[in-house]
C-alpha atoms as a PDB file:
ATOM      1  CA  UNK A   1      25.322  13.720  21.434  1.00  0.00           C
ATOM      2  CA  UNK A   2      23.484  12.699  18.244  1.00  0.00           C
ATOM      3  CA  UNK A   3      20.656  10.984  20.084  1.00  0.00           C
ATOM      4  CA  UNK A   4      19.911  14.086  22.139  1.00  0.00           C
ATOM      5  CA  UNK A   5      20.105  16.292  19.047  1.00  0.00           C
ATOM      6  CA  UNK A   6      17.738  13.949  17.231  1.00  0.00           C
ATOM      7  CA  UNK A   7      15.250  13.984  20.088  1.00  0.00           C
ATOM      8  CA  UNK A   8      15.485  17.752  20.329  1.00  0.00           C
ATOM      9  CA  UNK A   9      14.904  18.150  16.587  1.00  0.00           C
ATOM     10  CA  UNK A  10      11.858  15.868  16.629  1.00  0.00           C
ATOM     11  CA  UNK A  11      10.419  17.511  19.746  1.00  0.00           C
ATOM     12  CA  UNK A  12      10.972  20.969  18.267  1.00  0.00           C
ATOM     13  CA  UNK A  13       9.327  19.976  15.009  1.00  0.00           C
ATOM     14  CA  UNK A  14       6.302  18.401  16.690  1.00  0.00           C
ATOM     15  CA  UNK A  15       6.021  21.476  18.923  1.00  0.00           C
ATOM     16  CA  UNK A  16       5.885  23.751  15.897  1.00  0.00           C
ATOM     17  CA  UNK A  17       9.331  25.222  16.475  1.00  0.00           C
ATOM     18  CA  UNK A  18      10.565  24.611  12.947  1.00  0.00           C
ATOM     19  CA  UNK A  19      13.607  26.887  13.171  1.00  0.00           C
ATOM     20  CA  UNK A  20      14.843  25.032  16.261  1.00  0.00           C
ATOM     21  CA  UNK A  21      14.290  21.689  14.532  1.00  0.00           C
ATOM     22  CA  UNK A  22      16.237  22.866  11.494  1.00  0.00           C
ATOM     23  CA  UNK A  23      19.076  24.136  13.700  1.00  0.00           C
ATOM     24  CA  UNK A  24      19.338  20.751  15.438  1.00  0.00           C
ATOM     25  CA  UNK A  25      19.290  19.002  12.071  1.00  0.00           C
ATOM     26  CA  UNK A  26      22.112  21.239  10.852  1.00  0.00           C
ATOM     27  CA  UNK A  27      24.188  20.237  13.854  1.00  0.00           C
ATOM     28  CA  UNK A  28      23.469  16.569  13.117  1.00  0.00           C
ATOM     29  CA  UNK A  29      24.447  16.976   9.470  1.00  0.00           C
ATOM     30  CA  UNK A  30      27.752  18.469  10.594  1.00  0.00           C
ATOM     31  CA  UNK A  31      28.653  15.379  12.654  1.00  0.00           C
ATOM     32  CA  UNK A  32      27.002  12.475  10.838  1.00  0.00           C
ATOM     33  CA  UNK A  33      30.218  11.324   9.198  1.00  0.00           C
ATOM     34  CA  UNK A  34      31.886  10.857  12.588  1.00  0.00           C
ATOM     35  CA  UNK A  35      30.022   7.656  13.437  1.00  0.00           C
ATOM     36  CA  UNK A  36      27.474   5.212  12.091  1.00  0.00           C
ATOM     37  CA  UNK A  37      25.091   6.000  14.938  1.00  0.00           C
ATOM     38  CA  UNK A  38      25.274   9.722  14.163  1.00  0.00           C
ATOM     39  CA  UNK A  39      24.511   9.072  10.497  1.00  0.00           C
ATOM     40  CA  UNK A  40      21.567   6.839  11.401  1.00  0.00           C
ATOM     41  CA  UNK A  41      20.159   9.482  13.750  1.00  0.00           C
ATOM     42  CA  UNK A  42      20.660  12.180  11.110  1.00  0.00           C
ATOM     43  CA  UNK A  43      18.722  10.119   8.567  1.00  0.00           C
ATOM     44  CA  UNK A  44      15.843   9.653  11.018  1.00  0.00           C
ATOM     45  CA  UNK A  45      15.632  13.385  11.752  1.00  0.00           C
ATOM     46  CA  UNK A  46      16.068  14.447   8.133  1.00  0.00           C
ATOM     47  CA  UNK A  47      13.173  12.158   7.195  1.00  0.00           C
ATOM     48  CA  UNK A  48      10.903  14.080   9.573  1.00  0.00           C
ATOM     49  CA  UNK A  49      12.050  17.311   7.965  1.00  0.00           C
ATOM     50  CA  UNK A  50      11.713  16.041   4.397  1.00  0.00           C
ATOM     51  CA  UNK A  51      15.361  16.758   3.606  1.00  0.00           C
ATOM     52  CA  UNK A  52      15.559  14.055   0.946  1.00  0.00           C
ATOM     53  CA  UNK A  53      18.862  15.024  -0.648  1.00  0.00           C
ATOM     54  CA  UNK A  54      20.715  14.962   2.674  1.00  0.00           C
ATOM     55  CA  UNK A  55      19.077  11.655   3.621  1.00  0.00           C
ATOM     56  CA  UNK A  56      20.513  10.145   0.450  1.00  0.00           C
ATOM     57  CA  UNK A  57      23.922  11.688   1.122  1.00  0.00           C
ATOM     58  CA  UNK A  58      24.084  10.263   4.669  1.00  0.00           C
ATOM     59  CA  UNK A  59      22.755   6.898   3.515  1.00  0.00           C
ATOM     60  CA  UNK A  60      25.313   6.697   0.719  1.00  0.00           C
ATOM     61  CA  UNK A  61      28.046   7.479   3.253  1.00  0.00           C
ATOM     62  CA  UNK A  62      26.831   4.534   5.358  1.00  0.00           C
ATOM     63  CA  UNK A  63      26.867   2.327   2.258  1.00  0.00           C
ATOM     64  CA  UNK A  64      30.386   3.430   1.327  1.00  0.00           C
ATOM     65  CA  UNK A  65      31.560   2.698   4.862  1.00  0.00           C
ATOM     66  CA  UNK A  66      29.866  -0.729   4.741  1.00  0.00           C
ATOM     67  CA  UNK A  67      28.084   0.282   7.931  1.00  0.00           C
ATOM     68  CA  UNK A  68      24.708  -1.105   6.920  1.00  0.00           C
ATOM     69  CA  UNK A  69      26.108  -4.619   7.231  1.00  0.00           C
ATOM     70  CA  UNK A  70      27.218  -3.857  10.784  1.00  0.00           C
ATOM     71  CA  UNK A  71      23.940  -2.273  11.904  1.00  0.00           C
ATOM     72  CA  UNK A  72      21.936  -5.484  11.504  1.00  0.00           C
ATOM     73  CA  UNK A  73      18.126  -5.369  11.522  1.00  0.00           C
ATOM     74  CA  UNK A  74      18.076  -1.652  12.370  1.00  0.00           C
ATOM     75  CA  UNK A  75      19.629  -1.036   8.944  1.00  0.00           C
ATOM     76  CA  UNK A  76      16.313  -2.126   7.451  1.00  0.00           C
ATOM     77  CA  UNK A  77      14.674   1.028   8.699  1.00  0.00           C
ATOM     78  CA  UNK A  78      17.462   3.132   7.187  1.00  0.00           C
ATOM     79  CA  UNK A  79      16.886   1.408   3.843  1.00  0.00           C
ATOM     80  CA  UNK A  80      13.203   2.305   4.199  1.00  0.00           C
ATOM     81  CA  UNK A  81      13.919   5.964   4.953  1.00  0.00           C
ATOM     82  CA  UNK A  82      16.346   6.188   2.019  1.00  0.00           C
ATOM     83  CA  UNK A  83      13.736   4.548  -0.232  1.00  0.00           C
ATOM     84  CA  UNK A  84      11.101   7.091   0.791  1.00  0.00           C
ATOM     85  CA  UNK A  85      13.561   9.901   0.062  1.00  0.00           C
ATOM     86  CA  UNK A  86      14.384   8.446  -3.363  1.00  0.00           C
ATOM     87  CA  UNK A  87      10.677   8.110  -4.165  1.00  0.00           C
ATOM     88  CA  UNK A  88      10.076  11.740  -3.176  1.00  0.00           C
ATOM     89  CA  UNK A  89      12.872  12.699  -5.542  1.00  0.00           C
ATOM     90  CA  UNK A  90      11.183  10.786  -8.377  1.00  0.00           C
ATOM     91  CA  UNK A  91      13.627   7.869  -8.316  1.00  0.00           C
ATOM     92  CA  UNK A  92      11.000   5.127  -8.016  1.00  0.00           C
ATOM     93  CA  UNK A  93      13.278   2.414  -9.407  1.00  0.00           C
ATOM     94  CA  UNK A  94      15.884   3.122  -6.741  1.00  0.00           C
ATOM     95  CA  UNK A  95      13.144   3.376  -4.118  1.00  0.00           C
ATOM     96  CA  UNK A  96      11.716  -0.011  -5.087  1.00  0.00           C
ATOM     97  CA  UNK A  97      15.138  -1.672  -4.742  1.00  0.00           C
ATOM     98  CA  UNK A  98      15.740  -0.039  -1.359  1.00  0.00           C
ATOM     99  CA  UNK A  99      12.313  -1.039  -0.007  1.00  0.00           C
ATOM    100  CA  UNK A 100      12.927  -4.621  -1.120  1.00  0.00           C
ATOM    101  CA  UNK A 101      16.295  -4.552   0.641  1.00  0.00           C
ATOM    102  CA  UNK A 102      14.655  -3.066   3.756  1.00  0.00           C
ATOM    103  CA  UNK A 103      12.280  -6.017   3.872  1.00  0.00           C
ATOM    104  CA  UNK A 104      15.086  -8.481   3.222  1.00  0.00           C
ATOM    105  CA  UNK A 105      17.010  -7.057   6.187  1.00  0.00           C
ATOM    106  CA  UNK A 106      13.951  -6.645   8.412  1.00  0.00           C
ATOM    107  CA  UNK A 107      10.637  -8.137   7.212  1.00  0.00           C
ATOM    108  CA  UNK A 108       8.816  -6.436  10.102  1.00  0.00           C
ATOM    109  CA  UNK A 109       8.884  -2.975   8.497  1.00  0.00           C
ATOM    110  CA  UNK A 110       5.242  -2.519   7.503  1.00  0.00           C
ATOM    111  CA  UNK A 111       5.856   0.907   6.005  1.00  0.00           C
ATOM    112  CA  UNK A 112       8.316  -0.563   3.500  1.00  0.00           C
ATOM    113  CA  UNK A 113       5.781  -3.190   2.400  1.00  0.00           C
ATOM    114  CA  UNK A 114       2.976  -0.620   2.186  1.00  0.00           C
ATOM    115  CA  UNK A 115       5.114   1.763   0.143  1.00  0.00           C
ATOM    116  CA  UNK A 116       6.094  -1.062  -2.230  1.00  0.00           C
ATOM    117  CA  UNK A 117       2.442  -1.983  -2.693  1.00  0.00           C
ATOM    118  CA  UNK A 118       1.600   1.666  -3.259  1.00  0.00           C
ATOM    119  CA  UNK A 119       4.178   1.862  -6.063  1.00  0.00           C
ATOM    120  CA  UNK A 120       2.280  -0.856  -7.926  1.00  0.00           C
ATOM    121  CA  UNK A 121      -0.827   1.338  -8.153  1.00  0.00           C
ATOM    122  CA  UNK A 122      -1.445   3.779 -10.941  1.00  0.00           C
ATOM    123  CA  UNK A 123      -0.089   7.252 -10.264  1.00  0.00           C
ATOM    124  CA  UNK A 124      -3.536   8.703  -9.557  1.00  0.00           C
ATOM    125  CA  UNK A 125      -4.340   6.049  -6.963  1.00  0.00           C
ATOM    126  CA  UNK A 126      -1.104   6.221  -4.972  1.00  0.00           C
ATOM    127  CA  UNK A 127      -0.982   7.661  -1.491  1.00  0.00           C
ATOM    128  CA  UNK A 128       2.579   8.721  -2.146  1.00  0.00           C
ATOM    129  CA  UNK A 129       5.714   7.607  -0.394  1.00  0.00           C
ATOM    130  CA  UNK A 130       5.961   8.087   3.333  1.00  0.00           C
ATOM    131  CA  UNK A 131       8.749   7.607   5.803  1.00  0.00           C
ATOM    132  CA  UNK A 132       6.704   7.676   8.994  1.00  0.00           C
ATOM    133  CA  UNK A 133       3.198   6.523   9.842  1.00  0.00           C
ATOM    134  CA  UNK A 134       0.738   9.101  11.102  1.00  0.00           C
ATOM    135  CA  UNK A 135       1.049   7.826  14.676  1.00  0.00           C
ATOM    136  CA  UNK A 136       4.725   8.745  14.689  1.00  0.00           C
ATOM    137  CA  UNK A 137       3.796  12.376  14.116  1.00  0.00           C
ATOM    138  CA  UNK A 138       1.280  12.601  16.948  1.00  0.00           C
ATOM    139  CA  UNK A 139       1.419  12.278  20.697  1.00  0.00           C
ATOM    140  CA  UNK A 140      -0.068   9.012  21.991  1.00  0.00           C
ATOM    141  CA  UNK A 141      -3.115  10.921  23.300  1.00  0.00           C
ATOM    142  CA  UNK A 142      -3.691  12.763  20.008  1.00  0.00           C
ATOM    143  CA  UNK A 143      -3.274   9.500  18.092  1.00  0.00           C
ATOM    144  CA  UNK A 144      -5.787   7.755  20.362  1.00  0.00           C
ATOM    145  CA  UNK A 145      -8.307  10.605  20.032  1.00  0.00           C
ATOM    146  CA  UNK A 146      -7.925  10.677  16.268  1.00  0.00           C
ATOM    147  CA  UNK A 147      -8.343   6.918  16.039  1.00  0.00           C
ATOM    148  CA  UNK A 148     -11.574   7.062  18.065  1.00  0.00           C
ATOM    149  CA  UNK A 149     -12.923   9.851  15.868  1.00  0.00           C
ATOM    150  CA  UNK A 150     -11.949   8.083  12.660  1.00  0.00           C
ATOM    151  CA  UNK A 151     -13.551   4.830  13.834  1.00  0.00           C
ATOM    152  CA  UNK A 152     -16.785   6.715  14.468  1.00  0.00           C
ATOM    153  CA  UNK A 153     -16.669   8.239  10.994  1.00  0.00           C
ATOM    154  CA  UNK A 154     -15.773   4.948   9.302  1.00  0.00           C
ATOM    155  CA  UNK A 155     -18.642   3.148  11.120  1.00  0.00           C
ATOM    156  CA  UNK A 156     -21.021   5.879  10.022  1.00  0.00           C
ATOM    157  CA  UNK A 157     -19.845   5.366   6.453  1.00  0.00           C
ATOM    158  CA  UNK A 158     -19.546   1.575   6.886  1.00  0.00           C
ATOM    159  CA  UNK A 159     -16.112   1.713   5.317  1.00  0.00           C
ATOM    160  CA  UNK A 160     -13.380   0.195   7.451  1.00  0.00           C
ATOM    161  CA  UNK A 161     -10.914   0.454   4.543  1.00  0.00           C
ATOM    162  CA  UNK A 162     -11.167   4.251   4.664  1.00  0.00           C
ATOM    163  CA  UNK A 163     -10.280   4.171   8.348  1.00  0.00           C
ATOM    164  CA  UNK A 164      -7.310   1.865   7.837  1.00  0.00           C
ATOM    165  CA  UNK A 165      -5.900   3.996   4.988  1.00  0.00           C
ATOM    166  CA  UNK A 166      -6.373   7.238   6.910  1.00  0.00           C
ATOM    167  CA  UNK A 167      -4.445   5.959   9.928  1.00  0.00           C
ATOM    168  CA  UNK A 168      -1.280   5.286   7.887  1.00  0.00           C
END
């Protein structure tokens, strides 16, 4: 099952078991063209692993199959993940179009808006494209602890903007 493989890959990655995560991702890549849900799950997992080329391949398969129209608002997140992959590959024009489409499909995707805004900055001031916010990489407890620590630091420095940027 693609959902179980995706969960296993993410858990393995966050547990530091990179080889296990890669093995689960390989299994997902082998089955993604069997269903839209499998392709969507593969894209999510490949984004955690930074496998940009395979994200684009799976996304393009979904486009060819016209699956993105069927997936509704959840397709917005897939547009976002494909945009982040394109940006990592240096294809900022393609990334910009995909982030705009992500927001058209689902205006609630903050990461797409933030990445678009980041593209407007000069190269030296960009944070770089990202698929997932920091909180998606951490356990809820670790995220909470980090947020408390960062708030303390930002209050000490009287710079709330630093805190907000660091929590992305």
